[in-house]
C-alpha atoms as a PDB file:
ATOM      1  CA  MET A   1      18.123 -38.919-190.094  1.00  0.00           C
ATOM      2  CA  LYS A   2      15.178 -39.162-192.437  1.00  0.00           C
ATOM      3  CA  THR A   3      12.222 -40.555-190.503  1.00  0.00           C
ATOM      4  CA  THR A   4       9.805 -42.978-192.077  1.00  0.00           C
ATOM      5  CA  ILE A   5       7.142 -42.398-189.450  1.00  0.00           C
ATOM      6  CA  ARG A   6       3.525 -41.863-190.402  1.00  0.00           C
ATOM      7  CA  VAL A   7       0.378 -41.331-188.358  1.00  0.00           C
ATOM      8  CA  ASN A   8      -3.133 -42.278-189.378  1.00  0.00           C
ATOM      9  CA  ARG A   9      -5.796 -40.228-187.626  1.00  0.00           C
ATOM     10  CA  LYS A  10      -8.477 -42.812-188.495  1.00  0.00           C
ATOM     11  CA  ARG A  11      -6.834 -45.668-186.602  1.00  0.00           C
ATOM     12  CA  PRO A  12      -8.176 -46.537-183.145  1.00  0.00           C
ATOM     13  CA  GLU A  13      -4.708 -46.255-181.516  1.00  0.00           C
ATOM     14  CA  SER A  14      -3.631 -42.846-180.341  1.00  0.00           C
ATOM     15  CA  MET A  15      -1.122 -40.961-182.452  1.00  0.00           C
ATOM     16  CA  THR A  16       1.282 -41.115-179.504  1.00  0.00           C
ATOM     17  CA  LYS A  17       1.106 -44.922-179.507  1.00  0.00           C
ATOM     18  CA  GLN A  18       1.534 -45.057-183.278  1.00  0.00           C
ATOM     19  CA  ILE A  19       4.702 -42.945-183.072  1.00  0.00           C
ATOM     20  CA  THR A  20       6.035 -44.930-180.097  1.00  0.00           C
ATOM     21  CA  ASP A  21       5.478 -48.247-181.875  1.00  0.00           C
ATOM     22  CA  GLN A  22       7.144 -47.057-185.073  1.00  0.00           C
ATOM     23  CA  LEU A  23      10.172 -45.611-183.256  1.00  0.00           C
ATOM     24  CA  THR A  24      10.492 -48.845-181.260  1.00  0.00           C
ATOM     25  CA  GLY A  25      10.482 -50.772-184.529  1.00  0.00           C
ATOM     26  CA  LEU A  26      13.185 -48.539-186.002  1.00  0.00           C
ATOM     27  CA  ILE A  27      15.358 -48.979-182.901  1.00  0.00           C
ATOM     28  CA  GLU A  28      14.882 -52.755-182.753  1.00  0.00           C
ATOM     29  CA  SER A  29      15.565 -53.200-186.483  1.00  0.00           C
ATOM     30  CA  GLY A  30      18.812 -51.248-186.213  1.00  0.00           C
ATOM     31  CA  ALA A  31      17.619 -48.474-188.518  1.00  0.00           C
ATOM     32  CA  MET A  32      18.320 -46.142-185.588  1.00  0.00           C
ATOM     33  CA  THR A  33      21.690 -47.027-184.089  1.00  0.00           C
ATOM     34  CA  VAL A  34      22.776 -46.692-180.473  1.00  0.00           C
ATOM     35  CA  GLY A  35      23.877 -43.119-179.797  1.00  0.00           C
ATOM     36  CA  SER A  36      22.042 -41.620-182.767  1.00  0.00           C
ATOM     37  CA  TYR A  37      19.945 -38.541-182.103  1.00  0.00           C
ATOM     38  CA  LEU A  38      16.185 -38.487-182.529  1.00  0.00           C
ATOM     39  CA  PRO A  39      14.589 -35.487-184.228  1.00  0.00           C
ATOM     40  CA  SER A  40      13.573 -32.688-181.882  1.00  0.00           C
ATOM     41  CA  GLU A  41       9.969 -32.642-180.674  1.00  0.00           C
ATOM     42  CA  ARG A  42       9.228 -29.619-182.833  1.00  0.00           C
ATOM     43  CA  GLU A  43      10.909 -31.055-185.938  1.00  0.00           C
ATOM     44  CA  LEU A  44       9.056 -34.390-185.740  1.00  0.00           C
ATOM     45  CA  ALA A  45       5.739 -32.751-184.831  1.00  0.00           C
ATOM     46  CA  ASN A  46       5.990 -30.387-187.813  1.00  0.00           C
ATOM     47  CA  SER A  47       6.866 -33.177-190.237  1.00  0.00           C
ATOM     48  CA  LEU A  48       3.935 -35.315-189.007  1.00  0.00           C
ATOM     49  CA  LYS A  49       1.566 -32.347-188.662  1.00  0.00           C
ATOM     50  CA  VAL A  50       0.725 -33.206-185.037  1.00  0.00           C
ATOM     51  CA  ALA A  51       0.964 -31.259-181.783  1.00  0.00           C
ATOM     52  CA  ARG A  52       4.300 -31.295-179.939  1.00  0.00           C
ATOM     53  CA  ASN A  53       2.732 -32.893-176.867  1.00  0.00           C
ATOM     54  CA  VAL A  54       1.912 -35.966-179.014  1.00  0.00           C
ATOM     55  CA  VAL A  55       5.612 -36.390-179.841  1.00  0.00           C
ATOM     56  CA  ARG A  56       6.647 -35.545-176.271  1.00  0.00           C
ATOM     57  CA  GLY A  57       4.358 -38.294-174.947  1.00  0.00           C
ATOM     58  CA  SER A  58       5.917 -40.780-177.338  1.00  0.00           C
ATOM     59  CA  TYR A  59       9.452 -39.794-176.308  1.00  0.00           C
ATOM     60  CA  GLU A  60       8.492 -40.073-172.618  1.00  0.00           C
ATOM     61  CA  ASN A  61       7.120 -43.587-173.232  1.00  0.00           C
ATOM     62  CA  LEU A  62      10.386 -44.581-174.910  1.00  0.00           C
ATOM     63  CA  MET A  63      12.430 -43.109-172.041  1.00  0.00           C
ATOM     64  CA  ARG A  64      10.362 -45.050-169.478  1.00  0.00           C
ATOM     65  CA  ALA A  65      10.942 -48.217-171.509  1.00  0.00           C
ATOM     66  CA  GLY A  66      14.687 -47.540-171.472  1.00  0.00           C
ATOM     67  CA  ARG A  67      14.967 -47.270-175.262  1.00  0.00           C
ATOM     68  CA  ILE A  68      16.128 -43.639-175.392  1.00  0.00           C
ATOM     69  CA  GLN A  69      17.772 -41.183-173.009  1.00  0.00           C
ATOM     70  CA  SER A  70      17.759 -37.433-172.715  1.00  0.00           C
ATOM     71  CA  GLU A  71      21.015 -35.580-173.277  1.00  0.00           C
ATOM     72  CA  GLY A  72      19.579 -32.315-171.937  1.00  0.00           C
ATOM     73  CA  ARG A  73      19.626 -29.521-174.496  1.00  0.00           C
ATOM     74  CA  LYS A  74      21.547 -31.714-176.959  1.00  0.00           C
ATOM     75  CA  GLY A  75      18.473 -33.867-177.550  1.00  0.00           C
ATOM     76  CA  ARG A  76      17.479 -37.493-177.104  1.00  0.00           C
ATOM     77  CA  THR A  77      19.609 -40.445-178.150  1.00  0.00           C
ATOM     78  CA  VAL A  78      19.010 -44.154-178.653  1.00  0.00           C
ATOM     79  CA  ARG A  79      20.201 -46.209-175.674  1.00  0.00           C
ATOM     80  CA  GLY A  80      22.082 -49.462-175.692  1.00  0.00           C
ATOM     81  CA  ALA A  81      20.564 -52.745-174.538  1.00  0.00           C
ATOM     82  CA  GLY A  82      21.682 -52.099-170.917  1.00  0.00           C
ATOM     83  CA  GLY A  83      18.250 -51.538-169.372  1.00  0.00           C
ATOM     84  CA  LYS A  84      17.291 -50.547-165.845  1.00  0.00           C
ATOM     85  CA  LYS A  85      18.997 -51.523-162.555  1.00  0.00           C
ATOM     86  CA  LYS A  86      16.919 -50.361-159.575  1.00  0.00           C
ATOM     87  CA  ALA A  87      15.314 -53.345-157.821  1.00  0.00           C
ATOM     88  CA  ALA A  88      18.476 -54.883-156.276  1.00  0.00           C
ATOM     89  CA  ALA A  89      19.273 -51.933-153.974  1.00  0.00           C
ATOM     90  CA  LYS A  90      15.741 -51.839-152.554  1.00  0.00           C
ATOM     91  CA  THR A  91      15.577 -55.511-151.563  1.00  0.00           C
ATOM     92  CA  SER A  92      18.901 -55.528-149.705  1.00  0.00           C
ATOM     93  CA  ARG A  93      17.978 -52.377-147.774  1.00  0.00           C
ATOM     94  CA  SER A  94      14.617 -53.753-146.635  1.00  0.00           C
ATOM     95  CA  ALA A  95      16.224 -57.039-145.513  1.00  0.00           C
ATOM     96  CA  GLY A  96      18.651 -55.139-143.287  1.00  0.00           C
ATOM     97  CA  THR A  97      15.846 -53.136-141.678  1.00  0.00           C
ATOM     98  CA  LYS A  98      13.898 -56.273-140.712  1.00  0.00           C
ATOM     99  CA  ALA A  99      16.966 -57.834-139.110  1.00  0.00           C
ATOM    100  CA  ARG A 100      17.521 -54.823-136.818  1.00  0.00           C
ATOM    101  CA  LYS A 101      13.922 -54.746-135.570  1.00  0.00           C
ATOM    102  CA  LYS A 102      14.155 -58.226-134.046  1.00  0.00           C
END
């Protein structure tokens, strides 16, 4: 995949945020399809001439947002529109605990 990502060191936003926003735009527009691999941290950092931790921070932001997932040593891929499913299990467990205390 040829990336069309650019960073501007003179902008007030951090380079991490700039990369995150641009990758989000590519995913939402369909330019990056579900299941496609993102460039490695090193590859993207070298092409943008930034430190790897800048790219890593961007990828971590996208993983927290549920836009990409890590495939271990294979790399990171674009996720589907599924999203996160954590809150339901917590609420039912806490309701059961309150009932037993009474």
